[in-house]
């Protein structure tokens, strides 16, 4: 099998949808493989503390597939943009 090397640079974006806790991440790359919109690029080095690179943060669908497939709870966190964060207040019926 021929090894292919490539170089890329993360695309700057104000959104930071995916956050990794490097103290918990085991660097398995499952999140990069399951990402539906190819936002994540597998880590160059596999192993503890080497999370994937969030290459195209503005393209994230916030589907949560990366969080669900991660074998370590808390290693990946999704952060929705402020405008998407809504707090629903229950309506109290008038008497």
Protein backbone atom coordinates (compact mmCIF):
# COMPACT_ATOMS: atom_id res chain seq x y z
CA UNK A 1 0.00 0.00 0.00
CA UNK A 2 1.36 3.38 -1.00
CA UNK A 3 1.61 5.97 1.78
CA UNK A 4 0.20 9.36 0.86
CA UNK A 5 1.25 12.48 2.73
CA UNK A 6 -0.57 15.76 2.66
CA UNK A 7 -0.35 19.10 4.40
CA UNK A 8 -3.26 21.29 5.33
CA UNK A 9 -3.84 24.32 7.48
CA UNK A 10 -6.88 24.90 9.68
CA UNK A 11 -9.36 27.37 8.20
CA UNK A 12 -9.83 30.36 10.53
CA UNK A 13 -13.37 30.77 11.84
CA UNK A 14 -15.02 32.51 14.78
CA UNK A 15 -16.98 29.33 15.61
CA UNK A 16 -15.34 26.71 17.82
CA UNK A 17 -17.90 23.90 17.70
CA UNK A 18 -15.74 21.02 18.86
CA UNK A 19 -13.55 21.17 21.95
CA UNK A 20 -11.24 18.40 23.11
CA UNK A 21 -10.01 17.75 26.63
CA UNK A 22 -6.47 16.60 25.87
CA UNK A 23 -6.12 15.10 29.33
CA UNK A 24 -8.95 12.67 28.47
CA UNK A 25 -8.55 12.20 24.69
CA UNK A 26 -6.88 8.89 23.79
CA UNK A 27 -6.23 9.96 20.19
CA UNK A 28 -8.08 7.02 18.62
CA UNK A 29 -9.47 9.11 15.72
CA UNK A 30 -12.96 7.57 15.84
CA UNK A 31 -14.52 11.03 15.89
CA UNK A 32 -12.71 11.99 12.67
CA UNK A 33 -13.86 8.80 10.94
CA UNK A 34 -17.52 9.30 11.90
CA UNK A 35 -17.73 13.04 11.11
CA UNK A 36 -20.36 13.46 8.40
CA UNK A 37 -19.00 16.74 7.05
CA UNK A 38 -15.27 16.02 7.34
CA UNK A 39 -14.64 18.82 9.82
CA UNK A 40 -12.05 16.72 11.66
CA UNK A 41 -8.71 15.49 10.34
CA UNK A 42 -7.21 12.46 12.15
CA UNK A 43 -4.31 13.21 14.48
CA UNK A 44 -0.81 12.95 13.02
CA UNK A 45 0.18 10.89 16.07
CA UNK A 46 -2.18 8.41 17.65
CA UNK A 47 -2.22 8.17 21.39
CA UNK A 48 -3.09 9.96 24.59
CA UNK A 49 -3.44 13.71 24.27
CA UNK A 50 -3.40 13.84 20.46
CA UNK A 51 -6.92 14.84 19.36
CA UNK A 52 -7.89 15.32 15.70
CA UNK A 53 -7.48 18.75 14.16
CA UNK A 54 -10.69 20.76 13.76
CA UNK A 55 -9.94 21.76 10.18
CA UNK A 56 -13.21 23.32 9.00
CA UNK A 57 -15.10 24.52 12.10
CA UNK A 58 -17.61 26.59 10.12
CA UNK A 59 -18.85 23.45 8.35
CA UNK A 60 -19.91 21.61 11.54
CA UNK A 61 -23.57 20.46 11.60
CA UNK A 62 -23.53 20.06 15.41
CA UNK A 63 -24.91 16.55 14.92
CA UNK A 64 -23.03 15.15 17.92
CA UNK A 65 -21.82 11.99 16.14
CA UNK A 66 -18.25 12.67 17.29
CA UNK A 67 -19.35 12.94 20.92
CA UNK A 68 -21.47 9.78 20.70
CA UNK A 69 -18.73 7.62 19.15
CA UNK A 70 -16.02 8.73 21.58
CA UNK A 71 -15.10 5.91 23.98
CA UNK A 72 -14.05 8.37 26.73
CA UNK A 73 -16.84 10.38 28.32
CA UNK A 74 -16.03 14.09 28.42
CA UNK A 75 -13.13 13.99 25.96
CA UNK A 76 -15.16 15.84 23.28
CA UNK A 77 -17.60 18.67 23.88
CA UNK A 78 -19.87 20.43 21.38
CA UNK A 79 -20.42 24.13 21.88
CA UNK A 80 -23.26 25.65 19.92
CA UNK A 81 -22.95 29.29 18.84
CA UNK A 82 -24.56 31.77 21.20
CA UNK A 83 -27.35 32.55 18.72
CA UNK A 84 -28.31 28.84 18.69
CA UNK A 85 -28.41 28.53 22.46
CA UNK A 86 -31.96 29.04 23.58
CA UNK A 87 -33.51 28.82 26.98
CA UNK A 88 -37.14 27.82 26.93
CA UNK A 89 -39.20 29.25 29.73
CA UNK A 90 -42.35 27.35 30.63
CA UNK A 91 -45.56 29.27 30.06
CA UNK A 92 -47.56 29.69 33.26
CA UNK A 93 -51.29 29.62 32.52
CA UNK A 94 -53.25 32.70 33.53
CA UNK A 95 -55.95 32.15 36.15
